[in-house]
Amino acid sequence: MNIELTAHFYFKGSGKKKTIMWIEDNPRLQQKEKDSDKVIREIPLTADEVKQEYRRLFTKHKNEGKSITLEDTTKMVHVIDLTDIRNIELTSREVEADAVQTDLCTE
């Protein structure tokens, strides 16, 4: 199962909005052994759970003054300075399995 996410980033001051859409390919949460990198099991995530994880990550990075890098469905890379963001609207939905995966990186 793939999850399509859409984020609307609203900038402080100008009120401008930037919309980015990306796909998470078969998202899973890994449960690891204590004090080890050995994976005990993987738990598939629903669209709502993936959205919650990204919301948590965006909030954490904003509080730490970090930027995020997202690759959208057209392969364009976007760097967003979260300290310039006033509000984020995030939506998610399940999509067909032939979609492309993207990774989230911090700057």
PDB file of N, CA and C in Angstrom:
ATOM      1  N   MET A   1       0.841  -1.179   0.000  1.00  0.00           N
ATOM      2  CA  MET A   1       0.000   0.000   0.000  1.00  0.00           C
ATOM      3  C   MET A   1       0.889   1.246   0.000  1.00  0.00           C
ATOM      4  N   ASN A   2       0.575   2.172  -0.862  1.00  0.00           N
ATOM      5  CA  ASN A   2       1.295   3.435  -0.917  1.00  0.00           C
ATOM      6  C   ASN A   2       0.415   4.554  -0.385  1.00  0.00           C
ATOM      7  N   ILE A   3       1.056   5.563   0.178  1.00  0.00           N
ATOM      8  CA  ILE A   3       0.342   6.699   0.759  1.00  0.00           C
ATOM      9  C   ILE A   3       0.753   7.967   0.015  1.00  0.00           C
ATOM     10  N   GLU A   4      -0.237   8.693  -0.488  1.00  0.00           N
ATOM     11  CA  GLU A   4       0.021   9.996  -1.110  1.00  0.00           C
ATOM     12  C   GLU A   4      -0.216  11.068  -0.061  1.00  0.00           C
ATOM     13  N   LEU A   5       0.775  11.927   0.123  1.00  0.00           N
ATOM     14  CA  LEU A   5       0.662  13.028   1.081  1.00  0.00           C
ATOM     15  C   LEU A   5       0.701  14.351   0.331  1.00  0.00           C
ATOM     16  N   THR A   6      -0.090  15.304   0.811  1.00  0.00           N
ATOM     17  CA  THR A   6      -0.087  16.657   0.270  1.00  0.00           C
ATOM     18  C   THR A   6       0.071  17.612   1.441  1.00  0.00           C
ATOM     19  N   ALA A   7       1.069  18.498   1.339  1.00  0.00           N
ATOM     20  CA  ALA A   7       1.301  19.488   2.385  1.00  0.00           C
ATOM     21  C   ALA A   7       1.144  20.877   1.785  1.00  0.00           C
ATOM     22  N   HIS A   8       0.362  21.703   2.453  1.00  0.00           N
ATOM     23  CA  HIS A   8       0.220  23.111   2.098  1.00  0.00           C
ATOM     24  C   HIS A   8       0.975  23.891   3.164  1.00  0.00           C
ATOM     25  N   PHE A   9       2.075  24.531   2.762  1.00  0.00           N
ATOM     26  CA  PHE A   9       2.890  25.315   3.673  1.00  0.00           C
ATOM     27  C   PHE A   9       2.504  26.790   3.519  1.00  0.00           C
ATOM     28  N   TYR A  10       2.065  27.428   4.603  1.00  0.00           N
ATOM     29  CA  TYR A  10       1.701  28.847   4.593  1.00  0.00           C
ATOM     30  C   TYR A  10       2.825  29.635   5.257  1.00  0.00           C
ATOM     31  N   PHE A  11       3.374  30.597   4.520  1.00  0.00           N
ATOM     32  CA  PHE A  11       4.517  31.368   5.005  1.00  0.00           C
ATOM     33  C   PHE A  11       4.082  32.528   5.881  1.00  0.00           C
ATOM     34  N   LYS A  12       4.931  32.843   6.871  1.00  0.00           N
ATOM     35  CA  LYS A  12       4.681  33.987   7.754  1.00  0.00           C
ATOM     36  C   LYS A  12       4.776  35.270   6.935  1.00  0.00           C
ATOM     37  N   GLY A  13       4.046  36.296   7.367  1.00  0.00           N
ATOM     38  CA  GLY A  13       4.145  37.611   6.729  1.00  0.00           C
ATOM     39  C   GLY A  13       3.436  37.680   5.395  1.00  0.00           C
ATOM     40  N   SER A  14       4.016  37.075   4.363  1.00  0.00           N
ATOM     41  CA  SER A  14       3.464  37.188   3.002  1.00  0.00           C
ATOM     42  C   SER A  14       2.142  36.450   2.840  1.00  0.00           C
ATOM     43  N   GLY A  15       1.938  35.390   3.623  1.00  0.00           N
ATOM     44  CA  GLY A  15       0.730  34.592   3.486  1.00  0.00           C
ATOM     45  C   GLY A  15       0.750  33.688   2.266  1.00  0.00           C
ATOM     46  N   LYS A  16       1.878  33.662   1.526  1.00  0.00           N
ATOM     47  CA  LYS A  16       1.982  32.800   0.350  1.00  0.00           C
ATOM     48  C   LYS A  16       1.896  31.339   0.763  1.00  0.00           C
ATOM     49  N   LYS A  17       1.431  30.523  -0.190  1.00  0.00           N
ATOM     50  CA  LYS A  17       1.255  29.098   0.077  1.00  0.00           C
ATOM     51  C   LYS A  17       2.075  28.297  -0.930  1.00  0.00           C
ATOM     52  N   LYS A  18       2.738  27.255  -0.447  1.00  0.00           N
ATOM     53  CA  LYS A  18       3.449  26.320  -1.319  1.00  0.00           C
ATOM     54  C   LYS A  18       2.864  24.942  -1.067  1.00  0.00           C
ATOM     55  N   THR A  19       2.464  24.269  -2.140  1.00  0.00           N
ATOM     56  CA  THR A  19       1.870  22.940  -2.024  1.00  0.00           C
ATOM     57  C   THR A  19       2.825  21.911  -2.616  1.00  0.00           C
ATOM     58  N   ILE A  20       3.071  20.849  -1.854  1.00  0.00           N
ATOM     59  CA  ILE A  20       3.948  19.767  -2.290  1.00  0.00           C
ATOM     60  C   ILE A  20       3.208  18.445  -2.094  1.00  0.00           C
ATOM     61  N   MET A  21       3.276  17.597  -3.115  1.00  0.00           N
ATOM     62  CA  MET A  21       2.643  16.269  -3.054  1.00  0.00           C
ATOM     63  C   MET A  21       3.735  15.221  -3.255  1.00  0.00           C
ATOM     64  N   TRP A  22       3.755  14.186  -2.398  1.00  0.00           N
ATOM     65  CA  TRP A  22       4.728  13.112  -2.526  1.00  0.00           C
ATOM     66  C   TRP A  22       4.098  11.789  -2.122  1.00  0.00           C
ATOM     67  N   ILE A  23       4.807  10.703  -2.437  1.00  0.00           N
ATOM     68  CA  ILE A  23       4.318   9.337  -2.194  1.00  0.00           C
ATOM     69  C   ILE A  23       5.265   8.620  -1.238  1.00  0.00           C
ATOM     70  N   GLU A  24       4.690   7.955  -0.248  1.00  0.00           N
ATOM     71  CA  GLU A  24       5.448   7.048   0.620  1.00  0.00           C
ATOM     72  C   GLU A  24       5.106   5.630   0.176  1.00  0.00           C
ATOM     73  N   ASP A  25       6.125   4.874  -0.188  1.00  0.00           N
ATOM     74  CA  ASP A  25       5.956   3.515  -0.688  1.00  0.00           C
ATOM     75  C   ASP A  25       5.945   2.518   0.460  1.00  0.00           C
ATOM     76  N   ASN A  26       4.816   1.878   0.679  1.00  0.00           N
ATOM     77  CA  ASN A  26       4.678   0.813   1.672  1.00  0.00           C
ATOM     78  C   ASN A  26       5.271   1.209   3.034  1.00  0.00           C
ATOM     79  N   PRO A  27       4.773   2.284   3.635  1.00  0.00           N
ATOM     80  CA  PRO A  27       5.364   2.762   4.895  1.00  0.00           C
ATOM     81  C   PRO A  27       5.171   1.770   6.042  1.00  0.00           C
ATOM     82  N   ARG A  28       6.240   1.567   6.803  1.00  0.00           N
ATOM     83  CA  ARG A  28       6.214   0.630   7.934  1.00  0.00           C
ATOM     84  C   ARG A  28       6.971   1.228   9.112  1.00  0.00           C
ATOM     85  N   LEU A  29       6.522   0.876  10.293  1.00  0.00           N
ATOM     86  CA  LEU A  29       7.205   1.242  11.523  1.00  0.00           C
ATOM     87  C   LEU A  29       8.025   0.028  11.939  1.00  0.00           C
ATOM     88  N   GLN A  30       9.317   0.231  12.211  1.00  0.00           N
ATOM     89  CA  GLN A  30      10.174  -0.884  12.603  1.00  0.00           C
ATOM     90  C   GLN A  30      10.322  -0.936  14.113  1.00  0.00           C
ATOM     91  N   GLN A  31      10.044  -2.109  14.668  1.00  0.00           N
ATOM     92  CA  GLN A  31      10.268  -2.336  16.091  1.00  0.00           C
ATOM     93  C   GLN A  31      11.602  -3.063  16.201  1.00  0.00           C
ATOM     94  N   LYS A  32      12.546  -2.453  16.948  1.00  0.00           N
ATOM     95  CA  LYS A  32      13.893  -3.019  17.053  1.00  0.00           C
ATOM     96  C   LYS A  32      14.154  -3.546  18.454  1.00  0.00           C
ATOM     97  N   GLU A  33      15.097  -4.489  18.526  1.00  0.00           N
ATOM     98  CA  GLU A  33      15.546  -5.021  19.798  1.00  0.00           C
ATOM     99  C   GLU A  33      16.213  -3.914  20.597  1.00  0.00           C
ATOM    100  N   LYS A  34      16.031  -3.913  21.906  1.00  0.00           N
ATOM    101  CA  LYS A  34      16.639  -2.891  22.759  1.00  0.00           C
ATOM    102  C   LYS A  34      18.158  -2.931  22.625  1.00  0.00           C
ATOM    103  N   ASP A  35      18.786  -1.750  22.503  1.00  0.00           N
ATOM    104  CA  ASP A  35      20.233  -1.609  22.372  1.00  0.00           C
ATOM    105  C   ASP A  35      20.798  -2.354  21.161  1.00  0.00           C
ATOM    106  N   SER A  36      19.999  -2.436  20.088  1.00  0.00           N
ATOM    107  CA  SER A  36      20.440  -3.150  18.897  1.00  0.00           C
ATOM    108  C   SER A  36      19.731  -2.571  17.674  1.00  0.00           C
ATOM    109  N   ASP A  37      20.295  -2.818  16.497  1.00  0.00           N
ATOM    110  CA  ASP A  37      19.642  -2.406  15.254  1.00  0.00           C
ATOM    111  C   ASP A  37      18.842  -3.549  14.638  1.00  0.00           C
ATOM    112  N   LYS A  38      18.778  -4.678  15.334  1.00  0.00           N
ATOM    113  CA  LYS A  38      18.063  -5.829  14.810  1.00  0.00           C
ATOM    114  C   LYS A  38      16.556  -5.569  14.845  1.00  0.00           C
ATOM    115  N   VAL A  39      15.917  -5.696  13.675  1.00  0.00           N
ATOM    116  CA  VAL A  39      14.480  -5.456  13.558  1.00  0.00           C
ATOM    117  C   VAL A  39      13.727  -6.707  14.004  1.00  0.00           C
ATOM    118  N   ILE A  40      12.844  -6.526  14.981  1.00  0.00           N
ATOM    119  CA  ILE A  40      12.038  -7.629  15.490  1.00  0.00           C
ATOM    120  C   ILE A  40      10.823  -7.846  14.597  1.00  0.00           C
ATOM    121  N   ARG A  41      10.162  -6.717  14.252  1.00  0.00           N
ATOM    122  CA  ARG A  41       9.008  -6.806  13.355  1.00  0.00           C
ATOM    123  C   ARG A  41       8.759  -5.446  12.716  1.00  0.00           C
ATOM    124  N   GLU A  42       8.032  -5.483  11.602  1.00  0.00           N
ATOM    125  CA  GLU A  42       7.631  -4.266  10.908  1.00  0.00           C
ATOM    126  C   GLU A  42       6.115  -4.174  10.931  1.00  0.00           C
ATOM    127  N   ILE A  43       5.629  -2.981  11.238  1.00  0.00           N
ATOM    128  CA  ILE A  43       4.187  -2.771  11.340  1.00  0.00           C
ATOM    129  C   ILE A  43       3.765  -1.826  10.218  1.00  0.00           C
ATOM    130  N   PRO A  44       2.877  -2.277   9.311  1.00  0.00           N
ATOM    131  CA  PRO A  44       2.402  -1.388   8.243  1.00  0.00           C
ATOM    132  C   PRO A  44       1.629  -0.204   8.831  1.00  0.00           C
ATOM    133  N   LEU A  45       1.804   0.976   8.229  1.00  0.00           N
ATOM    134  CA  LEU A  45       1.126   2.177   8.703  1.00  0.00           C
ATOM    135  C   LEU A  45      -0.025   2.558   7.771  1.00  0.00           C
ATOM    136  N   THR A  46      -1.093   3.066   8.347  1.00  0.00           N
ATOM    137  CA  THR A  46      -2.233   3.556   7.565  1.00  0.00           C
ATOM    138  C   THR A  46      -1.935   4.977   7.087  1.00  0.00           C
ATOM    139  N   ALA A  47      -2.790   5.501   6.221  1.00  0.00           N
ATOM    140  CA  ALA A  47      -2.634   6.867   5.718  1.00  0.00           C
ATOM    141  C   ALA A  47      -2.663   7.868   6.870  1.00  0.00           C
ATOM    142  N   ASP A  48      -3.564   7.693   7.823  1.00  0.00           N
ATOM    143  CA  ASP A  48      -3.642   8.612   8.967  1.00  0.00           C
ATOM    144  C   ASP A  48      -2.401   8.528   9.850  1.00  0.00           C
ATOM    145  N   GLU A  49      -1.873   7.327  10.043  1.00  0.00           N
ATOM    146  CA  GLU A  49      -0.670   7.169  10.865  1.00  0.00           C
ATOM    147  C   GLU A  49       0.548   7.821  10.213  1.00  0.00           C
ATOM    148  N   VAL A  50       0.660   7.700   8.877  1.00  0.00           N
ATOM    149  CA  VAL A  50       1.768   8.333   8.157  1.00  0.00           C
ATOM    150  C   VAL A  50       1.649   9.852   8.274  1.00  0.00           C
ATOM    151  N   LYS A  51       0.429  10.363   8.132  1.00  0.00           N
ATOM    152  CA  LYS A  51       0.194  11.801   8.264  1.00  0.00           C
ATOM    153  C   LYS A  51       0.590  12.280   9.660  1.00  0.00           C
ATOM    154  N   GLN A  52       0.234  11.525  10.689  1.00  0.00           N
ATOM    155  CA  GLN A  52       0.595  11.888  12.069  1.00  0.00           C
ATOM    156  C   GLN A  52       2.108  11.907  12.260  1.00  0.00           C
ATOM    157  N   GLU A  53       2.809  10.935  11.683  1.00  0.00           N
ATOM    158  CA  GLU A  53       4.270  10.879  11.804  1.00  0.00           C
ATOM    159  C   GLU A  53       4.913  12.084  11.133  1.00  0.00           C
ATOM    160  N   TYR A  54       4.433  12.458   9.947  1.00  0.00           N
ATOM    161  CA  TYR A  54       4.978  13.641   9.277  1.00  0.00           C
ATOM    162  C   TYR A  54       4.652  14.910  10.050  1.00  0.00           C
ATOM    163  N   ARG A  55       3.462  15.006  10.603  1.00  0.00           N
ATOM    164  CA  ARG A  55       3.101  16.190  11.392  1.00  0.00           C
ATOM    165  C   ARG A  55       4.047  16.316  12.590  1.00  0.00           C
ATOM    166  N   ARG A  56       4.306  15.191  13.271  1.00  0.00           N
ATOM    167  CA  ARG A  56       5.238  15.174  14.396  1.00  0.00           C
ATOM    168  C   ARG A  56       6.640  15.610  13.961  1.00  0.00           C
ATOM    169  N   LEU A  57       7.081  15.078  12.833  1.00  0.00           N
ATOM    170  CA  LEU A  57       8.406  15.395  12.315  1.00  0.00           C
ATOM    171  C   LEU A  57       8.517  16.870  11.922  1.00  0.00           C
ATOM    172  N   PHE A  58       7.509  17.401  11.226  1.00  0.00           N
ATOM    173  CA  PHE A  58       7.512  18.819  10.841  1.00  0.00           C
ATOM    174  C   PHE A  58       7.549  19.706  12.083  1.00  0.00           C
ATOM    175  N   THR A  59       6.749  19.377  13.089  1.00  0.00           N
ATOM    176  CA  THR A  59       6.705  20.175  14.321  1.00  0.00           C
ATOM    177  C   THR A  59       8.060  20.134  15.030  1.00  0.00           C
ATOM    178  N   LYS A  60       8.652  18.949  15.121  1.00  0.00           N
ATOM    179  CA  LYS A  60       9.957  18.799  15.774  1.00  0.00           C
ATOM    180  C   LYS A  60      11.011  19.638  15.061  1.00  0.00           C
ATOM    181  N   HIS A  61      11.067  19.538  13.730  1.00  0.00           N
ATOM    182  CA  HIS A  61      12.066  20.281  12.965  1.00  0.00           C
ATOM    183  C   HIS A  61      11.825  21.786  13.024  1.00  0.00           C
ATOM    184  N   LYS A  62      10.570  22.190  13.055  1.00  0.00           N
ATOM    185  CA  LYS A  62      10.269  23.623  13.167  1.00  0.00           C
ATOM    186  C   LYS A  62      10.761  24.144  14.516  1.00  0.00           C
ATOM    187  N   ASN A  63      10.494  23.399  15.583  1.00  0.00           N
ATOM    188  CA  ASN A  63      10.932  23.801  16.924  1.00  0.00           C
ATOM    189  C   ASN A  63      12.461  23.834  17.044  1.00  0.00           C
ATOM    190  N   GLU A  64      13.144  23.001  16.267  1.00  0.00           N
ATOM    191  CA  GLU A  64      14.608  22.948  16.289  1.00  0.00           C
ATOM    192  C   GLU A  64      15.231  23.920  15.291  1.00  0.00           C
ATOM    193  N   GLY A  65      14.393  24.655  14.540  1.00  0.00           N
ATOM    194  CA  GLY A  65      14.897  25.613  13.561  1.00  0.00           C
ATOM    195  C   GLY A  65      15.507  24.985  12.330  1.00  0.00           C
ATOM    196  N   LYS A  66      15.029  23.815  11.944  1.00  0.00           N
ATOM    197  CA  LYS A  66      15.596  23.085  10.812  1.00  0.00           C
ATOM    198  C   LYS A  66      14.751  23.267   9.550  1.00  0.00           C
ATOM    199  N   SER A  67      15.381  22.954   8.427  1.00  0.00           N
ATOM    200  CA  SER A  67      14.694  22.891   7.143  1.00  0.00           C
ATOM    201  C   SER A  67      14.396  21.432   6.820  1.00  0.00           C
ATOM    202  N   ILE A  68      13.474  21.231   5.883  1.00  0.00           N
ATOM    203  CA  ILE A  68      13.212  19.882   5.382  1.00  0.00           C
ATOM    204  C   ILE A  68      13.421  19.878   3.879  1.00  0.00           C
ATOM    205  N   THR A  69      13.732  18.715   3.345  1.00  0.00           N
ATOM    206  CA  THR A  69      13.857  18.538   1.904  1.00  0.00           C
ATOM    207  C   THR A  69      12.880  17.456   1.495  1.00  0.00           C
ATOM    208  N   LEU A  70      12.006  17.781   0.539  1.00  0.00           N
ATOM    209  CA  LEU A  70      11.023  16.829   0.032  1.00  0.00           C
ATOM    210  C   LEU A  70      11.172  16.704  -1.474  1.00  0.00           C
ATOM    211  N   GLU A  71      11.086  15.486  -1.984  1.00  0.00           N
ATOM    212  CA  GLU A  71      11.055  15.273  -3.430  1.00  0.00           C
ATOM    213  C   GLU A  71       9.613  14.963  -3.804  1.00  0.00           C
ATOM    214  N   ASP A  72       9.036  15.774  -4.685  1.00  0.00           N
ATOM    215  CA  ASP A  72       7.620  15.595  -5.030  1.00  0.00           C
ATOM    216  C   ASP A  72       7.434  14.523  -6.095  1.00  0.00           C
ATOM    217  N   THR A  73       6.200  14.331  -6.508  1.00  0.00           N
ATOM    218  CA  THR A  73       5.862  13.275  -7.463  1.00  0.00           C
ATOM    219  C   THR A  73       6.405  13.548  -8.864  1.00  0.00           C
ATOM    220  N   THR A  74       6.871  14.779  -9.133  1.00  0.00           N
ATOM    221  CA  THR A  74       7.471  15.099 -10.430  1.00  0.00           C
ATOM    222  C   THR A  74       8.996  15.066 -10.364  1.00  0.00           C
ATOM    223  N   LYS A  75       9.545  14.573  -9.251  1.00  0.00           N
ATOM    224  CA  LYS A  75      10.989  14.458  -9.007  1.00  0.00           C
ATOM    225  C   LYS A  75      11.651  15.809  -8.709  1.00  0.00           C
ATOM    226  N   MET A  76      10.868  16.864  -8.473  1.00  0.00           N
ATOM    227  CA  MET A  76      11.437  18.157  -8.111  1.00  0.00           C
ATOM    228  C   MET A  76      11.724  18.151  -6.608  1.00  0.00           C
ATOM    229  N   VAL A  77      12.892  18.688  -6.236  1.00  0.00           N
ATOM    230  CA  VAL A  77      13.294  18.734  -4.838  1.00  0.00           C
ATOM    231  C   VAL A  77      12.955  20.109  -4.271  1.00  0.00           C
ATOM    232  N   HIS A  78      12.311  20.128  -3.111  1.00  0.00           N
ATOM    233  CA  HIS A  78      11.913  21.356  -2.434  1.00  0.00           C
ATOM    234  C   HIS A  78      12.594  21.416  -1.069  1.00  0.00           C
ATOM    235  N   VAL A  79      13.227  22.547  -0.772  1.00  0.00           N
ATOM    236  CA  VAL A  79      13.816  22.770   0.549  1.00  0.00           C
ATOM    237  C   VAL A  79      12.955  23.832   1.226  1.00  0.00           C
ATOM    238  N   ILE A  80      12.369  23.472   2.362  1.00  0.00           N
ATOM    239  CA  ILE A  80      11.481  24.376   3.087  1.00  0.00           C
ATOM    240  C   ILE A  80      12.099  24.695   4.448  1.00  0.00           C
ATOM    241  N   ASP A  81      12.318  25.990   4.699  1.00  0.00           N
ATOM    242  CA  ASP A  81      12.786  26.441   6.010  1.00  0.00           C
ATOM    243  C   ASP A  81      11.555  26.543   6.902  1.00  0.00           C
ATOM    244  N   LEU A  82      11.410  25.604   7.802  1.00  0.00           N
ATOM    245  CA  LEU A  82      10.193  25.546   8.628  1.00  0.00           C
ATOM    246  C   LEU A  82      10.061  26.716   9.590  1.00  0.00           C
ATOM    247  N   THR A  83      11.154  27.447   9.832  1.00  0.00           N
ATOM    248  CA  THR A  83      11.039  28.619  10.712  1.00  0.00           C
ATOM    249  C   THR A  83      10.275  29.748  10.019  1.00  0.00           C
ATOM    250  N   ASP A  84      10.160  29.690   8.679  1.00  0.00           N
ATOM    251  CA  ASP A  84       9.411  30.696   7.919  1.00  0.00           C
ATOM    252  C   ASP A  84       7.944  30.324   7.741  1.00  0.00           C
ATOM    253  N   ILE A  85       7.542  29.183   8.277  1.00  0.00           N
ATOM    254  CA  ILE A  85       6.192  28.670   8.058  1.00  0.00           C
ATOM    255  C   ILE A  85       5.281  29.030   9.230  1.00  0.00           C
ATOM    256  N   ARG A  86       4.105  29.566   8.882  1.00  0.00           N
ATOM    257  CA  ARG A  86       3.100  29.924   9.889  1.00  0.00           C
ATOM    258  C   ARG A  86       2.197  28.736  10.194  1.00  0.00           C
ATOM    259  N   ASN A  87       1.812  27.994   9.131  1.00  0.00           N
ATOM    260  CA  ASN A  87       0.855  26.899   9.297  1.00  0.00           C
ATOM    261  C   ASN A  87       1.110  25.832   8.233  1.00  0.00           C
ATOM    262  N   ILE A  88       0.825  24.578   8.580  1.00  0.00           N
ATOM    263  CA  ILE A  88       0.942  23.471   7.630  1.00  0.00           C
ATOM    264  C   ILE A  88      -0.366  22.685   7.642  1.00  0.00           C
ATOM    265  N   GLU A  89      -0.964  22.525   6.458  1.00  0.00           N
ATOM    266  CA  GLU A  89      -2.122  21.642   6.309  1.00  0.00           C
ATOM    267  C   GLU A  89      -1.620  20.386   5.624  1.00  0.00           C
ATOM    268  N   LEU A  90      -1.908  19.231   6.213  1.00  0.00           N
ATOM    269  CA  LEU A  90      -1.386  17.968   5.704  1.00  0.00           C
ATOM    270  C   LEU A  90      -2.533  16.997   5.479  1.00  0.00           C
ATOM    271  N   THR A  91      -2.583  16.401   4.289  1.00  0.00           N
ATOM    272  CA  THR A  91      -3.596  15.391   3.993  1.00  0.00           C
ATOM    273  C   THR A  91      -2.904  14.130   3.484  1.00  0.00           C
ATOM    274  N   SER A  92      -3.583  12.990   3.619  1.00  0.00           N
ATOM    275  CA  SER A  92      -3.016  11.721   3.156  1.00  0.00           C
ATOM    276  C   SER A  92      -4.139  10.823   2.652  1.00  0.00           C
ATOM    277  N   ARG A  93      -3.765   9.942   1.710  1.00  0.00           N
ATOM    278  CA  ARG A  93      -4.724   8.958   1.206  1.00  0.00           C
ATOM    279  C   ARG A  93      -3.969   7.787   0.596  1.00  0.00           C
ATOM    280  N   GLU A  94      -4.629   6.633   0.555  1.00  0.00           N
ATOM    281  CA  GLU A  94      -4.030   5.450  -0.051  1.00  0.00           C
ATOM    282  C   GLU A  94      -4.117   5.566  -1.567  1.00  0.00           C
ATOM    283  N   VAL A  95      -3.037   5.121  -2.263  1.00  0.00           N
ATOM    284  CA  VAL A  95      -3.002   5.146  -3.725  1.00  0.00           C
ATOM    285  C   VAL A  95      -2.497   3.812  -4.254  1.00  0.00           C
ATOM    286  N   GLU A  96      -2.526   3.654  -5.574  1.00  0.00           N
ATOM    287  CA  GLU A  96      -2.073   2.422  -6.221  1.00  0.00           C
ATOM    288  C   GLU A  96      -0.608   2.130  -5.915  1.00  0.00           C
ATOM    289  N   ALA A  97      -0.224   0.874  -5.964  1.00  0.00           N
ATOM    290  CA  ALA A  97       1.114   0.431  -5.552  1.00  0.00           C
ATOM    291  C   ALA A  97       2.221   0.765  -6.537  1.00  0.00           C
ATOM    292  N   ASP A  98       1.922   1.293  -7.728  1.00  0.00           N
ATOM    293  CA  ASP A  98       2.984   1.574  -8.704  1.00  0.00           C
ATOM    294  C   ASP A  98       3.542   2.997  -8.576  1.00  0.00           C
ATOM    295  N   ALA A  99       3.250   3.654  -7.475  1.00  0.00           N
ATOM    296  CA  ALA A  99       3.715   5.039  -7.267  1.00  0.00           C
ATOM    297  C   ALA A  99       5.200   5.065  -6.867  1.00  0.00           C
ATOM    298  N   VAL A 100       5.770   6.245  -6.853  1.00  0.00           N
ATOM    299  CA  VAL A 100       7.193   6.435  -6.565  1.00  0.00           C
ATOM    300  C   VAL A 100       7.399   6.767  -5.098  1.00  0.00           C
ATOM    301  N   GLN A 101       8.507   6.283  -4.526  1.00  0.00           N
ATOM    302  CA  GLN A 101       8.837   6.567  -3.125  1.00  0.00           C
ATOM    303  C   GLN A 101       9.686   7.831  -3.035  1.00  0.00           C
ATOM    304  N   THR A 102       9.531   8.542  -1.950  1.00  0.00           N
ATOM    305  CA  THR A 102      10.367   9.715  -1.673  1.00  0.00           C
ATOM    306  C   THR A 102      10.880   9.629  -0.249  1.00  0.00           C
ATOM    307  N   ASP A 103      11.969  10.270   0.009  1.00  0.00           N
ATOM    308  CA  ASP A 103      12.555  10.259   1.347  1.00  0.00           C
ATOM    309  C   ASP A 103      12.576  11.660   1.916  1.00  0.00           C
ATOM    310  N   LEU A 104      12.422  11.767   3.208  1.00  0.00           N
ATOM    311  CA  LEU A 104      12.492  13.044   3.898  1.00  0.00           C
ATOM    312  C   LEU A 104      13.867  13.184   4.511  1.00  0.00           C
ATOM    313  N   CYS A 105      14.501  14.319   4.263  1.00  0.00           N
ATOM    314  CA  CYS A 105      15.835  14.590   4.802  1.00  0.00           C
ATOM    315  C   CYS A 105      15.813  15.916   5.525  1.00  0.00           C
ATOM    316  N   THR A 106      16.658  16.066   6.519  1.00  0.00           N
ATOM    317  CA  THR A 106      16.776  17.348   7.203  1.00  0.00           C
ATOM    318  C   THR A 106      18.038  18.049   6.719  1.00  0.00           C
ATOM    319  N   GLU A 107      18.021  19.350   6.780  1.00  0.00           N
ATOM    320  CA  GLU A 107      19.168  20.156   6.352  1.00  0.00           C
ATOM    321  C   GLU A 107      20.002  20.514   7.547  1.00  0.00           C
TER     322      GLU A 107
END
